[in-house]
Amino acid sequence: AQSVSLALDNPDAEAKFAATYGSL
């Protein structure tokens, strides 16, 4: 639940996700 929340709502997490997984 926290992973989903962070991945969707936290700008730092979104940027790290994008850097790691690209366009997925």
PDBML (XML) file of the C-alpha atoms, coordinates in Angstrom:
<?xml version="1.0" encoding="UTF-8" ?>
<PDBx:datablock datablockName="MODEL"
   xmlns:PDBx="http://pdbml.pdb.org/schema/pdbx-v50.xsd"
   xmlns:xsi="http://www.w3.org/2001/XMLSchema-instance"
   xsi:schemaLocation="http://pdbml.pdb.org/schema/pdbx-v50.xsd pdbx-v50.xsd">
   <PDBx:atom_siteCategory>
      <PDBx:atom_site id="1">
         <PDBx:B_iso_or_equiv>0.00</PDBx:B_iso_or_equiv>
         <PDBx:Cartn_x>0.000</PDBx:Cartn_x>
         <PDBx:Cartn_y>0.000</PDBx:Cartn_y>
         <PDBx:Cartn_z>0.000</PDBx:Cartn_z>
         <PDBx:auth_asym_id>A</PDBx:auth_asym_id>
         <PDBx:auth_atom_id>CA</PDBx:auth_atom_id>
         <PDBx:auth_comp_id>ALA</PDBx:auth_comp_id>
         <PDBx:auth_seq_id>1</PDBx:auth_seq_id>
         <PDBx:group_PDB>ATOM</PDBx:group_PDB>
         <PDBx:label_alt_id xsi:nil="true" />
         <PDBx:label_asym_id>A</PDBx:label_asym_id>
         <PDBx:label_atom_id>CA</PDBx:label_atom_id>
         <PDBx:label_comp_id>ALA</PDBx:label_comp_id>
         <PDBx:label_entity_id>1</PDBx:label_entity_id>
         <PDBx:label_seq_id>1</PDBx:label_seq_id>
         <PDBx:occupancy>1.00</PDBx:occupancy>
         <PDBx:pdbx_PDB_model_num>1</PDBx:pdbx_PDB_model_num>
         <PDBx:type_symbol>C</PDBx:type_symbol>
      </PDBx:atom_site>
      <PDBx:atom_site id="2">
         <PDBx:B_iso_or_equiv>0.00</PDBx:B_iso_or_equiv>
         <PDBx:Cartn_x>2.769</PDBx:Cartn_x>
         <PDBx:Cartn_y>2.451</PDBx:Cartn_y>
         <PDBx:Cartn_z>0.847</PDBx:Cartn_z>
         <PDBx:auth_asym_id>A</PDBx:auth_asym_id>
         <PDBx:auth_atom_id>CA</PDBx:auth_atom_id>
         <PDBx:auth_comp_id>GLN</PDBx:auth_comp_id>
         <PDBx:auth_seq_id>2</PDBx:auth_seq_id>
         <PDBx:group_PDB>ATOM</PDBx:group_PDB>
         <PDBx:label_alt_id xsi:nil="true" />
         <PDBx:label_asym_id>A</PDBx:label_asym_id>
         <PDBx:label_atom_id>CA</PDBx:label_atom_id>
         <PDBx:label_comp_id>GLN</PDBx:label_comp_id>
         <PDBx:label_entity_id>1</PDBx:label_entity_id>
         <PDBx:label_seq_id>2</PDBx:label_seq_id>
         <PDBx:occupancy>1.00</PDBx:occupancy>
         <PDBx:pdbx_PDB_model_num>1</PDBx:pdbx_PDB_model_num>
         <PDBx:type_symbol>C</PDBx:type_symbol>
      </PDBx:atom_site>
      <PDBx:atom_site id="3">
         <PDBx:B_iso_or_equiv>0.00</PDBx:B_iso_or_equiv>
         <PDBx:Cartn_x>4.648</PDBx:Cartn_x>
         <PDBx:Cartn_y>1.492</PDBx:Cartn_y>
         <PDBx:Cartn_z>-2.315</PDBx:Cartn_z>
         <PDBx:auth_asym_id>A</PDBx:auth_asym_id>
         <PDBx:auth_atom_id>CA</PDBx:auth_atom_id>
         <PDBx:auth_comp_id>SER</PDBx:auth_comp_id>
         <PDBx:auth_seq_id>3</PDBx:auth_seq_id>
         <PDBx:group_PDB>ATOM</PDBx:group_PDB>
         <PDBx:label_alt_id xsi:nil="true" />
         <PDBx:label_asym_id>A</PDBx:label_asym_id>
         <PDBx:label_atom_id>CA</PDBx:label_atom_id>
         <PDBx:label_comp_id>SER</PDBx:label_comp_id>
         <PDBx:label_entity_id>1</PDBx:label_entity_id>
         <PDBx:label_seq_id>3</PDBx:label_seq_id>
         <PDBx:occupancy>1.00</PDBx:occupancy>
         <PDBx:pdbx_PDB_model_num>1</PDBx:pdbx_PDB_model_num>
         <PDBx:type_symbol>C</PDBx:type_symbol>
      </PDBx:atom_site>
      <PDBx:atom_site id="4">
         <PDBx:B_iso_or_equiv>0.00</PDBx:B_iso_or_equiv>
         <PDBx:Cartn_x>1.650</PDBx:Cartn_x>
         <PDBx:Cartn_y>2.269</PDBx:Cartn_y>
         <PDBx:Cartn_z>-4.473</PDBx:Cartn_z>
         <PDBx:auth_asym_id>A</PDBx:auth_asym_id>
         <PDBx:auth_atom_id>CA</PDBx:auth_atom_id>
         <PDBx:auth_comp_id>VAL</PDBx:auth_comp_id>
         <PDBx:auth_seq_id>4</PDBx:auth_seq_id>
         <PDBx:group_PDB>ATOM</PDBx:group_PDB>
         <PDBx:label_alt_id xsi:nil="true" />
         <PDBx:label_asym_id>A</PDBx:label_asym_id>
         <PDBx:label_atom_id>CA</PDBx:label_atom_id>
         <PDBx:label_comp_id>VAL</PDBx:label_comp_id>
         <PDBx:label_entity_id>1</PDBx:label_entity_id>
         <PDBx:label_seq_id>4</PDBx:label_seq_id>
         <PDBx:occupancy>1.00</PDBx:occupancy>
         <PDBx:pdbx_PDB_model_num>1</PDBx:pdbx_PDB_model_num>
         <PDBx:type_symbol>C</PDBx:type_symbol>
      </PDBx:atom_site>
      <PDBx:atom_site id="5">
         <PDBx:B_iso_or_equiv>0.00</PDBx:B_iso_or_equiv>
         <PDBx:Cartn_x>1.042</PDBx:Cartn_x>
         <PDBx:Cartn_y>5.524</PDBx:Cartn_y>
         <PDBx:Cartn_z>-2.619</PDBx:Cartn_z>
         <PDBx:auth_asym_id>A</PDBx:auth_asym_id>
         <PDBx:auth_atom_id>CA</PDBx:auth_atom_id>
         <PDBx:auth_comp_id>SER</PDBx:auth_comp_id>
         <PDBx:auth_seq_id>5</PDBx:auth_seq_id>
         <PDBx:group_PDB>ATOM</PDBx:group_PDB>
         <PDBx:label_alt_id xsi:nil="true" />
         <PDBx:label_asym_id>A</PDBx:label_asym_id>
         <PDBx:label_atom_id>CA</PDBx:label_atom_id>
         <PDBx:label_comp_id>SER</PDBx:label_comp_id>
         <PDBx:label_entity_id>1</PDBx:label_entity_id>
         <PDBx:label_seq_id>5</PDBx:label_seq_id>
         <PDBx:occupancy>1.00</PDBx:occupancy>
         <PDBx:pdbx_PDB_model_num>1</PDBx:pdbx_PDB_model_num>
         <PDBx:type_symbol>C</PDBx:type_symbol>
      </PDBx:atom_site>
      <PDBx:atom_site id="6">
         <PDBx:B_iso_or_equiv>0.00</PDBx:B_iso_or_equiv>
         <PDBx:Cartn_x>4.644</PDBx:Cartn_x>
         <PDBx:Cartn_y>6.651</PDBx:Cartn_y>
         <PDBx:Cartn_z>-2.939</PDBx:Cartn_z>
         <PDBx:auth_asym_id>A</PDBx:auth_asym_id>
         <PDBx:auth_atom_id>CA</PDBx:auth_atom_id>
         <PDBx:auth_comp_id>LEU</PDBx:auth_comp_id>
         <PDBx:auth_seq_id>6</PDBx:auth_seq_id>
         <PDBx:group_PDB>ATOM</PDBx:group_PDB>
         <PDBx:label_alt_id xsi:nil="true" />
         <PDBx:label_asym_id>A</PDBx:label_asym_id>
         <PDBx:label_atom_id>CA</PDBx:label_atom_id>
         <PDBx:label_comp_id>LEU</PDBx:label_comp_id>
         <PDBx:label_entity_id>1</PDBx:label_entity_id>
         <PDBx:label_seq_id>6</PDBx:label_seq_id>
         <PDBx:occupancy>1.00</PDBx:occupancy>
         <PDBx:pdbx_PDB_model_num>1</PDBx:pdbx_PDB_model_num>
         <PDBx:type_symbol>C</PDBx:type_symbol>
      </PDBx:atom_site>
      <PDBx:atom_site id="7">
         <PDBx:B_iso_or_equiv>0.00</PDBx:B_iso_or_equiv>
         <PDBx:Cartn_x>4.903</PDBx:Cartn_x>
         <PDBx:Cartn_y>5.587</PDBx:Cartn_y>
         <PDBx:Cartn_z>-6.572</PDBx:Cartn_z>
         <PDBx:auth_asym_id>A</PDBx:auth_asym_id>
         <PDBx:auth_atom_id>CA</PDBx:auth_atom_id>
         <PDBx:auth_comp_id>ALA</PDBx:auth_comp_id>
         <PDBx:auth_seq_id>7</PDBx:auth_seq_id>
         <PDBx:group_PDB>ATOM</PDBx:group_PDB>
         <PDBx:label_alt_id xsi:nil="true" />
         <PDBx:label_asym_id>A</PDBx:label_asym_id>
         <PDBx:label_atom_id>CA</PDBx:label_atom_id>
         <PDBx:label_comp_id>ALA</PDBx:label_comp_id>
         <PDBx:label_entity_id>1</PDBx:label_entity_id>
         <PDBx:label_seq_id>7</PDBx:label_seq_id>
         <PDBx:occupancy>1.00</PDBx:occupancy>
         <PDBx:pdbx_PDB_model_num>1</PDBx:pdbx_PDB_model_num>
         <PDBx:type_symbol>C</PDBx:type_symbol>
      </PDBx:atom_site>
      <PDBx:atom_site id="8">
         <PDBx:B_iso_or_equiv>0.00</PDBx:B_iso_or_equiv>
         <PDBx:Cartn_x>1.778</PDBx:Cartn_x>
         <PDBx:Cartn_y>7.527</PDBx:Cartn_y>
         <PDBx:Cartn_z>-7.493</PDBx:Cartn_z>
         <PDBx:auth_asym_id>A</PDBx:auth_asym_id>
         <PDBx:auth_atom_id>CA</PDBx:auth_atom_id>
         <PDBx:auth_comp_id>LEU</PDBx:auth_comp_id>
         <PDBx:auth_seq_id>8</PDBx:auth_seq_id>
         <PDBx:group_PDB>ATOM</PDBx:group_PDB>
         <PDBx:label_alt_id xsi:nil="true" />
         <PDBx:label_asym_id>A</PDBx:label_asym_id>
         <PDBx:label_atom_id>CA</PDBx:label_atom_id>
         <PDBx:label_comp_id>LEU</PDBx:label_comp_id>
         <PDBx:label_entity_id>1</PDBx:label_entity_id>
         <PDBx:label_seq_id>8</PDBx:label_seq_id>
         <PDBx:occupancy>1.00</PDBx:occupancy>
         <PDBx:pdbx_PDB_model_num>1</PDBx:pdbx_PDB_model_num>
         <PDBx:type_symbol>C</PDBx:type_symbol>
      </PDBx:atom_site>
      <PDBx:atom_site id="9">
         <PDBx:B_iso_or_equiv>0.00</PDBx:B_iso_or_equiv>
         <PDBx:Cartn_x>1.908</PDBx:Cartn_x>
         <PDBx:Cartn_y>10.563</PDBx:Cartn_y>
         <PDBx:Cartn_z>-5.208</PDBx:Cartn_z>
         <PDBx:auth_asym_id>A</PDBx:auth_asym_id>
         <PDBx:auth_atom_id>CA</PDBx:auth_atom_id>
         <PDBx:auth_comp_id>ASP</PDBx:auth_comp_id>
         <PDBx:auth_seq_id>9</PDBx:auth_seq_id>
         <PDBx:group_PDB>ATOM</PDBx:group_PDB>
         <PDBx:label_alt_id xsi:nil="true" />
         <PDBx:label_asym_id>A</PDBx:label_asym_id>
         <PDBx:label_atom_id>CA</PDBx:label_atom_id>
         <PDBx:label_comp_id>ASP</PDBx:label_comp_id>
         <PDBx:label_entity_id>1</PDBx:label_entity_id>
         <PDBx:label_seq_id>9</PDBx:label_seq_id>
         <PDBx:occupancy>1.00</PDBx:occupancy>
         <PDBx:pdbx_PDB_model_num>1</PDBx:pdbx_PDB_model_num>
         <PDBx:type_symbol>C</PDBx:type_symbol>
      </PDBx:atom_site>
      <PDBx:atom_site id="10">
         <PDBx:B_iso_or_equiv>0.00</PDBx:B_iso_or_equiv>
         <PDBx:Cartn_x>5.515</PDBx:Cartn_x>
         <PDBx:Cartn_y>11.425</PDBx:Cartn_y>
         <PDBx:Cartn_z>-4.340</PDBx:Cartn_z>
         <PDBx:auth_asym_id>A</PDBx:auth_asym_id>
         <PDBx:auth_atom_id>CA</PDBx:auth_atom_id>
         <PDBx:auth_comp_id>ASN</PDBx:auth_comp_id>
         <PDBx:auth_seq_id>10</PDBx:auth_seq_id>
         <PDBx:group_PDB>ATOM</PDBx:group_PDB>
         <PDBx:label_alt_id xsi:nil="true" />
         <PDBx:label_asym_id>A</PDBx:label_asym_id>
         <PDBx:label_atom_id>CA</PDBx:label_atom_id>
         <PDBx:label_comp_id>ASN</PDBx:label_comp_id>
         <PDBx:label_entity_id>1</PDBx:label_entity_id>
         <PDBx:label_seq_id>10</PDBx:label_seq_id>
         <PDBx:occupancy>1.00</PDBx:occupancy>
         <PDBx:pdbx_PDB_model_num>1</PDBx:pdbx_PDB_model_num>
         <PDBx:type_symbol>C</PDBx:type_symbol>
      </PDBx:atom_site>
      <PDBx:atom_site id="11">
         <PDBx:B_iso_or_equiv>0.00</PDBx:B_iso_or_equiv>
         <PDBx:Cartn_x>7.503</PDBx:Cartn_x>
         <PDBx:Cartn_y>13.494</PDBx:Cartn_y>
         <PDBx:Cartn_z>-6.876</PDBx:Cartn_z>
         <PDBx:auth_asym_id>A</PDBx:auth_asym_id>
         <PDBx:auth_atom_id>CA</PDBx:auth_atom_id>
         <PDBx:auth_comp_id>PRO</PDBx:auth_comp_id>
         <PDBx:auth_seq_id>11</PDBx:auth_seq_id>
         <PDBx:group_PDB>ATOM</PDBx:group_PDB>
         <PDBx:label_alt_id xsi:nil="true" />
         <PDBx:label_asym_id>A</PDBx:label_asym_id>
         <PDBx:label_atom_id>CA</PDBx:label_atom_id>
         <PDBx:label_comp_id>PRO</PDBx:label_comp_id>
         <PDBx:label_entity_id>1</PDBx:label_entity_id>
         <PDBx:label_seq_id>11</PDBx:label_seq_id>
         <PDBx:occupancy>1.00</PDBx:occupancy>
         <PDBx:pdbx_PDB_model_num>1</PDBx:pdbx_PDB_model_num>
         <PDBx:type_symbol>C</PDBx:type_symbol>
      </PDBx:atom_site>
      <PDBx:atom_site id="12">
         <PDBx:B_iso_or_equiv>0.00</PDBx:B_iso_or_equiv>
         <PDBx:Cartn_x>10.863</PDBx:Cartn_x>
         <PDBx:Cartn_y>12.071</PDBx:Cartn_y>
         <PDBx:Cartn_z>-5.713</PDBx:Cartn_z>
         <PDBx:auth_asym_id>A</PDBx:auth_asym_id>
         <PDBx:auth_atom_id>CA</PDBx:auth_atom_id>
         <PDBx:auth_comp_id>ASP</PDBx:auth_comp_id>
         <PDBx:auth_seq_id>12</PDBx:auth_seq_id>
         <PDBx:group_PDB>ATOM</PDBx:group_PDB>
         <PDBx:label_alt_id xsi:nil="true" />
         <PDBx:label_asym_id>A</PDBx:label_asym_id>
         <PDBx:label_atom_id>CA</PDBx:label_atom_id>
         <PDBx:label_comp_id>ASP</PDBx:label_comp_id>
         <PDBx:label_entity_id>1</PDBx:label_entity_id>
         <PDBx:label_seq_id>12</PDBx:label_seq_id>
         <PDBx:occupancy>1.00</PDBx:occupancy>
         <PDBx:pdbx_PDB_model_num>1</PDBx:pdbx_PDB_model_num>
         <PDBx:type_symbol>C</PDBx:type_symbol>
      </PDBx:atom_site>
      <PDBx:atom_site id="13">
         <PDBx:B_iso_or_equiv>0.00</PDBx:B_iso_or_equiv>
         <PDBx:Cartn_x>9.554</PDBx:Cartn_x>
         <PDBx:Cartn_y>8.527</PDBx:Cartn_y>
         <PDBx:Cartn_z>-5.961</PDBx:Cartn_z>
         <PDBx:auth_asym_id>A</PDBx:auth_asym_id>
         <PDBx:auth_atom_id>CA</PDBx:auth_atom_id>
         <PDBx:auth_comp_id>ALA</PDBx:auth_comp_id>
         <PDBx:auth_seq_id>13</PDBx:auth_seq_id>
         <PDBx:group_PDB>ATOM</PDBx:group_PDB>
         <PDBx:label_alt_id xsi:nil="true" />
         <PDBx:label_asym_id>A</PDBx:label_asym_id>
         <PDBx:label_atom_id>CA</PDBx:label_atom_id>
         <PDBx:label_comp_id>ALA</PDBx:label_comp_id>
         <PDBx:label_entity_id>1</PDBx:label_entity_id>
         <PDBx:label_seq_id>13</PDBx:label_seq_id>
         <PDBx:occupancy>1.00</PDBx:occupancy>
         <PDBx:pdbx_PDB_model_num>1</PDBx:pdbx_PDB_model_num>
         <PDBx:type_symbol>C</PDBx:type_symbol>
      </PDBx:atom_site>
      <PDBx:atom_site id="14">
         <PDBx:B_iso_or_equiv>0.00</PDBx:B_iso_or_equiv>
         <PDBx:Cartn_x>8.040</PDBx:Cartn_x>
         <PDBx:Cartn_y>9.181</PDBx:Cartn_y>
         <PDBx:Cartn_z>-9.390</PDBx:Cartn_z>
         <PDBx:auth_asym_id>A</PDBx:auth_asym_id>
         <PDBx:auth_atom_id>CA</PDBx:auth_atom_id>
         <PDBx:auth_comp_id>GLU</PDBx:auth_comp_id>
         <PDBx:auth_seq_id>14</PDBx:auth_seq_id>
         <PDBx:group_PDB>ATOM</PDBx:group_PDB>
         <PDBx:label_alt_id xsi:nil="true" />
         <PDBx:label_asym_id>A</PDBx:label_asym_id>
         <PDBx:label_atom_id>CA</PDBx:label_atom_id>
         <PDBx:label_comp_id>GLU</PDBx:label_comp_id>
         <PDBx:label_entity_id>1</PDBx:label_entity_id>
         <PDBx:label_seq_id>14</PDBx:label_seq_id>
         <PDBx:occupancy>1.00</PDBx:occupancy>
         <PDBx:pdbx_PDB_model_num>1</PDBx:pdbx_PDB_model_num>
         <PDBx:type_symbol>C</PDBx:type_symbol>
      </PDBx:atom_site>
      <PDBx:atom_site id="15">
         <PDBx:B_iso_or_equiv>0.00</PDBx:B_iso_or_equiv>
         <PDBx:Cartn_x>11.366</PDBx:Cartn_x>
         <PDBx:Cartn_y>10.528</PDBx:Cartn_y>
         <PDBx:Cartn_z>-10.637</PDBx:Cartn_z>
         <PDBx:auth_asym_id>A</PDBx:auth_asym_id>
         <PDBx:auth_atom_id>CA</PDBx:auth_atom_id>
         <PDBx:auth_comp_id>ALA</PDBx:auth_comp_id>
         <PDBx:auth_seq_id>15</PDBx:auth_seq_id>
         <PDBx:group_PDB>ATOM</PDBx:group_PDB>
         <PDBx:label_alt_id xsi:nil="true" />
         <PDBx:label_asym_id>A</PDBx:label_asym_id>
         <PDBx:label_atom_id>CA</PDBx:label_atom_id>
         <PDBx:label_comp_id>ALA</PDBx:label_comp_id>
         <PDBx:label_entity_id>1</PDBx:label_entity_id>
         <PDBx:label_seq_id>15</PDBx:label_seq_id>
         <PDBx:occupancy>1.00</PDBx:occupancy>
         <PDBx:pdbx_PDB_model_num>1</PDBx:pdbx_PDB_model_num>
         <PDBx:type_symbol>C</PDBx:type_symbol>
      </PDBx:atom_site>
      <PDBx:atom_site id="16">
         <PDBx:B_iso_or_equiv>0.00</PDBx:B_iso_or_equiv>
         <PDBx:Cartn_x>13.318</PDBx:Cartn_x>
         <PDBx:Cartn_y>7.554</PDBx:Cartn_y>
         <PDBx:Cartn_z>-9.232</PDBx:Cartn_z>
         <PDBx:auth_asym_id>A</PDBx:auth_asym_id>
         <PDBx:auth_atom_id>CA</PDBx:auth_atom_id>
         <PDBx:auth_comp_id>LYS</PDBx:auth_comp_id>
         <PDBx:auth_seq_id>16</PDBx:auth_seq_id>
         <PDBx:group_PDB>ATOM</PDBx:group_PDB>
         <PDBx:label_alt_id xsi:nil="true" />
         <PDBx:label_asym_id>A</PDBx:label_asym_id>
         <PDBx:label_atom_id>CA</PDBx:label_atom_id>
         <PDBx:label_comp_id>LYS</PDBx:label_comp_id>
         <PDBx:label_entity_id>1</PDBx:label_entity_id>
         <PDBx:label_seq_id>16</PDBx:label_seq_id>
         <PDBx:occupancy>1.00</PDBx:occupancy>
         <PDBx:pdbx_PDB_model_num>1</PDBx:pdbx_PDB_model_num>
         <PDBx:type_symbol>C</PDBx:type_symbol>
      </PDBx:atom_site>
      <PDBx:atom_site id="17">
         <PDBx:B_iso_or_equiv>0.00</PDBx:B_iso_or_equiv>
         <PDBx:Cartn_x>10.798</PDBx:Cartn_x>
         <PDBx:Cartn_y>5.130</PDBx:Cartn_y>
         <PDBx:Cartn_z>-10.758</PDBx:Cartn_z>
         <PDBx:auth_asym_id>A</PDBx:auth_asym_id>
         <PDBx:auth_atom_id>CA</PDBx:auth_atom_id>
         <PDBx:auth_comp_id>PHE</PDBx:auth_comp_id>
         <PDBx:auth_seq_id>17</PDBx:auth_seq_id>
         <PDBx:group_PDB>ATOM</PDBx:group_PDB>
         <PDBx:label_alt_id xsi:nil="true" />
         <PDBx:label_asym_id>A</PDBx:label_asym_id>
         <PDBx:label_atom_id>CA</PDBx:label_atom_id>
         <PDBx:label_comp_id>PHE</PDBx:label_comp_id>
         <PDBx:label_entity_id>1</PDBx:label_entity_id>
         <PDBx:label_seq_id>17</PDBx:label_seq_id>
         <PDBx:occupancy>1.00</PDBx:occupancy>
         <PDBx:pdbx_PDB_model_num>1</PDBx:pdbx_PDB_model_num>
         <PDBx:type_symbol>C</PDBx:type_symbol>
      </PDBx:atom_site>
      <PDBx:atom_site id="18">
         <PDBx:B_iso_or_equiv>0.00</PDBx:B_iso_or_equiv>
         <PDBx:Cartn_x>11.069</PDBx:Cartn_x>
         <PDBx:Cartn_y>6.842</PDBx:Cartn_y>
         <PDBx:Cartn_z>-14.148</PDBx:Cartn_z>
         <PDBx:auth_asym_id>A</PDBx:auth_asym_id>
         <PDBx:auth_atom_id>CA</PDBx:auth_atom_id>
         <PDBx:auth_comp_id>ALA</PDBx:auth_comp_id>
         <PDBx:auth_seq_id>18</PDBx:auth_seq_id>
         <PDBx:group_PDB>ATOM</PDBx:group_PDB>
         <PDBx:label_alt_id xsi:nil="true" />
         <PDBx:label_asym_id>A</PDBx:label_asym_id>
         <PDBx:label_atom_id>CA</PDBx:label_atom_id>
         <PDBx:label_comp_id>ALA</PDBx:label_comp_id>
         <PDBx:label_entity_id>1</PDBx:label_entity_id>
         <PDBx:label_seq_id>18</PDBx:label_seq_id>
         <PDBx:occupancy>1.00</PDBx:occupancy>
         <PDBx:pdbx_PDB_model_num>1</PDBx:pdbx_PDB_model_num>
         <PDBx:type_symbol>C</PDBx:type_symbol>
      </PDBx:atom_site>
      <PDBx:atom_site id="19">
         <PDBx:B_iso_or_equiv>0.00</PDBx:B_iso_or_equiv>
         <PDBx:Cartn_x>14.877</PDBx:Cartn_x>
         <PDBx:Cartn_y>6.757</PDBx:Cartn_y>
         <PDBx:Cartn_z>-13.993</PDBx:Cartn_z>
         <PDBx:auth_asym_id>A</PDBx:auth_asym_id>
         <PDBx:auth_atom_id>CA</PDBx:auth_atom_id>
         <PDBx:auth_comp_id>ALA</PDBx:auth_comp_id>
         <PDBx:auth_seq_id>19</PDBx:auth_seq_id>
         <PDBx:group_PDB>ATOM</PDBx:group_PDB>
         <PDBx:label_alt_id xsi:nil="true" />
         <PDBx:label_asym_id>A</PDBx:label_asym_id>
         <PDBx:label_atom_id>CA</PDBx:label_atom_id>
         <PDBx:label_comp_id>ALA</PDBx:label_comp_id>
         <PDBx:label_entity_id>1</PDBx:label_entity_id>
         <PDBx:label_seq_id>19</PDBx:label_seq_id>
         <PDBx:occupancy>1.00</PDBx:occupancy>
         <PDBx:pdbx_PDB_model_num>1</PDBx:pdbx_PDB_model_num>
         <PDBx:type_symbol>C</PDBx:type_symbol>
      </PDBx:atom_site>
      <PDBx:atom_site id="20">
         <PDBx:B_iso_or_equiv>0.00</PDBx:B_iso_or_equiv>
         <PDBx:Cartn_x>14.853</PDBx:Cartn_x>
         <PDBx:Cartn_y>3.058</PDBx:Cartn_y>
         <PDBx:Cartn_z>-13.125</PDBx:Cartn_z>
         <PDBx:auth_asym_id>A</PDBx:auth_asym_id>
         <PDBx:auth_atom_id>CA</PDBx:auth_atom_id>
         <PDBx:auth_comp_id>THR</PDBx:auth_comp_id>
         <PDBx:auth_seq_id>20</PDBx:auth_seq_id>
         <PDBx:group_PDB>ATOM</PDBx:group_PDB>
         <PDBx:label_alt_id xsi:nil="true" />
         <PDBx:label_asym_id>A</PDBx:label_asym_id>
         <PDBx:label_atom_id>CA</PDBx:label_atom_id>
         <PDBx:label_comp_id>THR</PDBx:label_comp_id>
         <PDBx:label_entity_id>1</PDBx:label_entity_id>
         <PDBx:label_seq_id>20</PDBx:label_seq_id>
         <PDBx:occupancy>1.00</PDBx:occupancy>
         <PDBx:pdbx_PDB_model_num>1</PDBx:pdbx_PDB_model_num>
         <PDBx:type_symbol>C</PDBx:type_symbol>
      </PDBx:atom_site>
      <PDBx:atom_site id="21">
         <PDBx:B_iso_or_equiv>0.00</PDBx:B_iso_or_equiv>
         <PDBx:Cartn_x>12.042</PDBx:Cartn_x>
         <PDBx:Cartn_y>1.769</PDBx:Cartn_y>
         <PDBx:Cartn_z>-15.347</PDBx:Cartn_z>
         <PDBx:auth_asym_id>A</PDBx:auth_asym_id>
         <PDBx:auth_atom_id>CA</PDBx:auth_atom_id>
         <PDBx:auth_comp_id>TYR</PDBx:auth_comp_id>
         <PDBx:auth_seq_id>21</PDBx:auth_seq_id>
         <PDBx:group_PDB>ATOM</PDBx:group_PDB>
         <PDBx:label_alt_id xsi:nil="true" />
         <PDBx:label_asym_id>A</PDBx:label_asym_id>
         <PDBx:label_atom_id>CA</PDBx:label_atom_id>
         <PDBx:label_comp_id>TYR</PDBx:label_comp_id>
         <PDBx:label_entity_id>1</PDBx:label_entity_id>
         <PDBx:label_seq_id>21</PDBx:label_seq_id>
         <PDBx:occupancy>1.00</PDBx:occupancy>
         <PDBx:pdbx_PDB_model_num>1</PDBx:pdbx_PDB_model_num>
         <PDBx:type_symbol>C</PDBx:type_symbol>
      </PDBx:atom_site>
      <PDBx:atom_site id="22">
         <PDBx:B_iso_or_equiv>0.00</PDBx:B_iso_or_equiv>
         <PDBx:Cartn_x>11.914</PDBx:Cartn_x>
         <PDBx:Cartn_y>4.294</PDBx:Cartn_y>
         <PDBx:Cartn_z>-18.166</PDBx:Cartn_z>
         <PDBx:auth_asym_id>A</PDBx:auth_asym_id>
         <PDBx:auth_atom_id>CA</PDBx:auth_atom_id>
         <PDBx:auth_comp_id>GLY</PDBx:auth_comp_id>
         <PDBx:auth_seq_id>22</PDBx:auth_seq_id>
         <PDBx:group_PDB>ATOM</PDBx:group_PDB>
         <PDBx:label_alt_id xsi:nil="true" />
         <PDBx:label_asym_id>A</PDBx:label_asym_id>
         <PDBx:label_atom_id>CA</PDBx:label_atom_id>
         <PDBx:label_comp_id>GLY</PDBx:label_comp_id>
         <PDBx:label_entity_id>1</PDBx:label_entity_id>
         <PDBx:label_seq_id>22</PDBx:label_seq_id>
         <PDBx:occupancy>1.00</PDBx:occupancy>
         <PDBx:pdbx_PDB_model_num>1</PDBx:pdbx_PDB_model_num>
         <PDBx:type_symbol>C</PDBx:type_symbol>
      </PDBx:atom_site>
      <PDBx:atom_site id="23">
         <PDBx:B_iso_or_equiv>0.00</PDBx:B_iso_or_equiv>
         <PDBx:Cartn_x>8.631</PDBx:Cartn_x>
         <PDBx:Cartn_y>4.440</PDBx:Cartn_y>
         <PDBx:Cartn_z>-19.991</PDBx:Cartn_z>
         <PDBx:auth_asym_id>A</PDBx:auth_asym_id>
         <PDBx:auth_atom_id>CA</PDBx:auth_atom_id>
         <PDBx:auth_comp_id>SER</PDBx:auth_comp_id>
         <PDBx:auth_seq_id>23</PDBx:auth_seq_id>
         <PDBx:group_PDB>ATOM</PDBx:group_PDB>
         <PDBx:label_alt_id xsi:nil="true" />
         <PDBx:label_asym_id>A</PDBx:label_asym_id>
         <PDBx:label_atom_id>CA</PDBx:label_atom_id>
         <PDBx:label_comp_id>SER</PDBx:label_comp_id>
         <PDBx:label_entity_id>1</PDBx:label_entity_id>
         <PDBx:label_seq_id>23</PDBx:label_seq_id>
         <PDBx:occupancy>1.00</PDBx:occupancy>
         <PDBx:pdbx_PDB_model_num>1</PDBx:pdbx_PDB_model_num>
         <PDBx:type_symbol>C</PDBx:type_symbol>
      </PDBx:atom_site>
      <PDBx:atom_site id="24">
         <PDBx:B_iso_or_equiv>0.00</PDBx:B_iso_or_equiv>
         <PDBx:Cartn_x>7.140</PDBx:Cartn_x>
         <PDBx:Cartn_y>1.343</PDBx:Cartn_y>
         <PDBx:Cartn_z>-18.337</PDBx:Cartn_z>
         <PDBx:auth_asym_id>A</PDBx:auth_asym_id>
         <PDBx:auth_atom_id>CA</PDBx:auth_atom_id>
         <PDBx:auth_comp_id>LEU</PDBx:auth_comp_id>
         <PDBx:auth_seq_id>24</PDBx:auth_seq_id>
         <PDBx:group_PDB>ATOM</PDBx:group_PDB>
         <PDBx:label_alt_id xsi:nil="true" />
         <PDBx:label_asym_id>A</PDBx:label_asym_id>
         <PDBx:label_atom_id>CA</PDBx:label_atom_id>
         <PDBx:label_comp_id>LEU</PDBx:label_comp_id>
         <PDBx:label_entity_id>1</PDBx:label_entity_id>
         <PDBx:label_seq_id>24</PDBx:label_seq_id>
         <PDBx:occupancy>1.00</PDBx:occupancy>
         <PDBx:pdbx_PDB_model_num>1</PDBx:pdbx_PDB_model_num>
         <PDBx:type_symbol>C</PDBx:type_symbol>
      </PDBx:atom_site>
   </PDBx:atom_siteCategory>
</PDBx:datablock>
